[in-house]
Amino acid sequence: MDDDAGTTEPGLVTPGPAAGSALLSEDFTADTVTALRHRLHAAVSAAGLRGDEGYDFVLAVHELATNAVRHGGGRGHLDLHRQDDVLICEVSDHGAAGATLPVRPPAVDVAGGRGLWLAHQLTEGLLLVRKADGVTATVTACLDRADR
């Protein structure tokens, strides 16, 4: 295989919004997170993820956005993009994350604390990256899911 800049190995995916088409990129706060959810739903639907899968994906991202507001400094940033037949949504915050980021539900008698677990359950994948300036949570959904 050539070493041309335009040649890639089969199966390799270039990460990040530059690799696909950007669908939504927006900062948010507690005051704007509900409006963001509505814009996210419109973008996800326009991309072809509808019905239960679309609602599940939007709910998962909304959980991540509310976590960013509650635990990540009161604000965050959402990037939604499409790469081939996959929707990828990154939610970043600027808070100080604790030692662990639990992706399991708390005891049944504890209120709250299920956002990461829900995001994991409702999407194709959840990736958490802790950085010096906060946490980025990434979720994915396959657009061809109905064809499987």
Protein backbone atom coordinates (compact mmCIF):
# COMPACT_ATOMS: atom_id res chain seq x y z
CA MET A 1 0.00 0.00 0.00
CA ASP A 2 1.21 3.54 -0.77
CA ASP A 3 2.20 5.94 1.92
CA ASP A 4 0.21 8.72 0.23
CA ALA A 5 -1.40 11.19 2.61
CA GLY A 6 -4.81 10.33 1.14
CA THR A 7 -4.46 6.57 1.66
CA THR A 8 -5.73 4.92 4.82
CA GLU A 9 -5.79 1.36 6.03
CA PRO A 10 -9.16 -0.41 5.82
CA GLY A 11 -11.01 -0.36 9.12
CA LEU A 12 -9.15 2.64 10.52
CA VAL A 13 -11.33 5.56 11.56
CA THR A 14 -10.03 9.07 12.06
CA PRO A 15 -11.50 10.37 15.34
CA GLY A 16 -13.04 13.78 15.88
CA PRO A 17 -15.45 16.10 14.10
CA ALA A 18 -13.04 16.74 11.22
CA ALA A 19 -13.48 13.13 10.08
CA GLY A 20 -17.19 13.47 9.36
CA SER A 21 -19.85 16.06 8.90
CA ALA A 22 -20.53 18.39 11.81
CA LEU A 23 -24.22 18.46 12.73
CA LEU A 24 -24.30 20.55 15.91
CA SER A 25 -21.70 22.33 18.02
CA GLU A 26 -22.83 24.40 20.96
CA ASP A 27 -21.90 25.63 24.42
CA PHE A 28 -24.56 25.16 27.09
CA THR A 29 -25.47 26.03 30.67
CA ALA A 30 -28.30 25.07 33.00
CA ASP A 31 -30.43 27.78 31.38
CA THR A 32 -29.89 26.47 27.83
CA VAL A 33 -29.72 22.67 28.27
CA THR A 34 -33.44 22.12 27.53
CA ALA A 35 -33.31 24.15 24.31
CA LEU A 36 -30.15 22.26 23.40
CA ARG A 37 -32.03 18.98 23.81
CA HIS A 38 -34.63 20.14 21.29
CA ARG A 39 -31.97 21.18 18.76
CA LEU A 40 -30.16 17.88 19.34
CA HIS A 41 -33.37 15.93 18.69
CA ALA A 42 -33.90 17.81 15.43
CA ALA A 43 -30.30 17.17 14.31
CA VAL A 44 -30.42 13.48 15.25
CA SER A 45 -33.74 13.03 13.43
CA ALA A 46 -32.46 14.86 10.34
CA ALA A 47 -29.42 12.54 10.33
CA GLY A 48 -31.77 9.54 10.17
CA LEU A 49 -31.87 8.28 13.76
CA ARG A 50 -35.57 8.27 14.58
CA GLY A 51 -38.05 6.40 16.73
CA ASP A 52 -36.94 4.72 19.94
CA GLU A 53 -33.27 4.70 18.94
CA GLY A 54 -33.34 8.44 18.31
CA TYR A 55 -35.12 9.17 21.58
CA ASP A 56 -32.71 6.93 23.48
CA PHE A 57 -29.69 8.67 21.98
CA VAL A 58 -31.08 12.13 22.78
CA LEU A 59 -31.88 11.06 26.35
CA ALA A 60 -28.35 9.68 26.79
CA VAL A 61 -26.77 12.92 25.55
CA HIS A 62 -29.14 14.98 27.71
CA GLU A 63 -28.01 12.99 30.76
CA LEU A 64 -24.38 13.78 29.88
CA ALA A 65 -25.19 17.47 29.42
CA THR A 66 -26.99 17.70 32.75
CA ASN A 67 -24.05 15.90 34.39
CA ALA A 68 -21.73 18.52 32.90
CA VAL A 69 -23.88 21.28 34.39
CA ARG A 70 -24.27 19.62 37.81
CA HIS A 71 -20.79 18.17 38.26
CA GLY A 72 -18.60 19.85 35.66
CA GLY A 73 -18.49 23.51 36.44
CA GLY A 74 -22.01 24.60 35.48
CA ARG A 75 -21.45 24.63 31.74
CA GLY A 76 -20.28 22.44 28.91
CA HIS A 77 -19.88 21.99 25.19
CA LEU A 78 -21.62 19.55 22.85
CA ASP A 79 -20.30 18.40 19.47
CA LEU A 80 -22.46 16.13 17.31
CA HIS A 81 -21.09 14.80 14.07
CA ARG A 82 -21.66 12.01 11.64
CA GLN A 83 -18.96 9.69 10.37
CA ASP A 84 -20.24 7.33 7.70
CA ASP A 85 -23.23 5.58 9.33
CA VAL A 86 -22.34 6.51 12.93
CA LEU A 87 -23.49 9.48 14.98
CA ILE A 88 -20.88 10.59 17.49
CA CYS A 89 -21.66 13.05 20.25
CA GLU A 90 -19.04 14.49 22.59
CA VAL A 91 -20.04 16.37 25.74
CA SER A 92 -17.19 18.19 27.47
CA ASP A 93 -17.10 20.03 30.77
CA HIS A 94 -14.52 21.93 32.77
CA GLY A 95 -15.08 20.51 36.22
CA ALA A 96 -12.77 18.61 38.50
CA ALA A 97 -13.74 14.96 38.17
CA GLY A 98 -13.53 12.72 41.19
CA ALA A 99 -11.24 9.73 41.41
CA THR A 100 -13.80 7.53 39.67
CA LEU A 101 -16.56 8.06 37.16
CA PRO A 102 -19.13 5.39 38.09
CA VAL A 103 -20.91 3.81 35.13
CA ARG A 104 -23.17 1.73 37.34
CA PRO A 105 -26.36 2.67 39.12
CA PRO A 106 -26.25 3.54 42.79
CA ALA A 107 -28.34 1.74 45.40
CA VAL A 108 -32.07 1.87 44.74
CA ASP A 109 -32.64 4.16 47.73
CA VAL A 110 -30.24 6.82 46.41
CA ALA A 111 -31.71 9.66 44.35
CA GLY A 112 -29.82 10.52 41.18
CA GLY A 113 -26.44 9.21 40.12
CA ARG A 114 -27.63 7.23 37.10
CA GLY A 115 -26.65 9.54 34.23
CA LEU A 116 -23.51 7.74 33.05
CA TRP A 117 -25.16 4.36 33.47
CA LEU A 118 -28.15 5.49 31.39
CA ALA A 119 -25.89 6.93 28.70
CA HIS A 120 -24.05 3.61 28.54
CA GLN A 121 -27.27 1.58 28.37
CA LEU A 122 -29.00 3.74 25.75
CA THR A 123 -26.21 4.03 23.17
CA GLU A 124 -23.86 1.86 21.13
CA GLY A 125 -20.93 2.94 23.26
CA LEU A 126 -19.77 5.33 25.98
CA LEU A 127 -16.21 6.58 26.30
CA LEU A 128 -15.08 8.77 29.20
CA VAL A 129 -11.85 10.72 28.98
CA ARG A 130 -10.55 12.64 31.97
CA LYS A 131 -8.39 15.61 31.00
CA ALA A 132 -6.57 18.26 33.02
CA ASP A 133 -9.40 20.72 32.31
CA GLY A 134 -12.42 18.43 32.72
CA VAL A 135 -14.10 15.34 31.32
CA THR A 136 -15.27 14.48 27.82
CA ALA A 137 -17.99 11.86 27.45
CA THR A 138 -18.54 10.41 23.99
CA VAL A 139 -21.53 8.32 22.91
CA THR A 140 -22.25 6.72 19.56
CA ALA A 141 -25.24 5.38 17.65
CA CYS A 142 -25.36 3.44 14.40
CA LEU A 143 -27.70 4.87 11.79
CA ASP A 144 -28.15 1.52 10.05
CA ARG A 145 -29.39 -0.17 13.23
CA ALA A 146 -32.84 -0.80 11.75
CA ASP A 147 -31.24 -2.70 8.88
CA ARG A 148 -29.57 -5.27 11.16
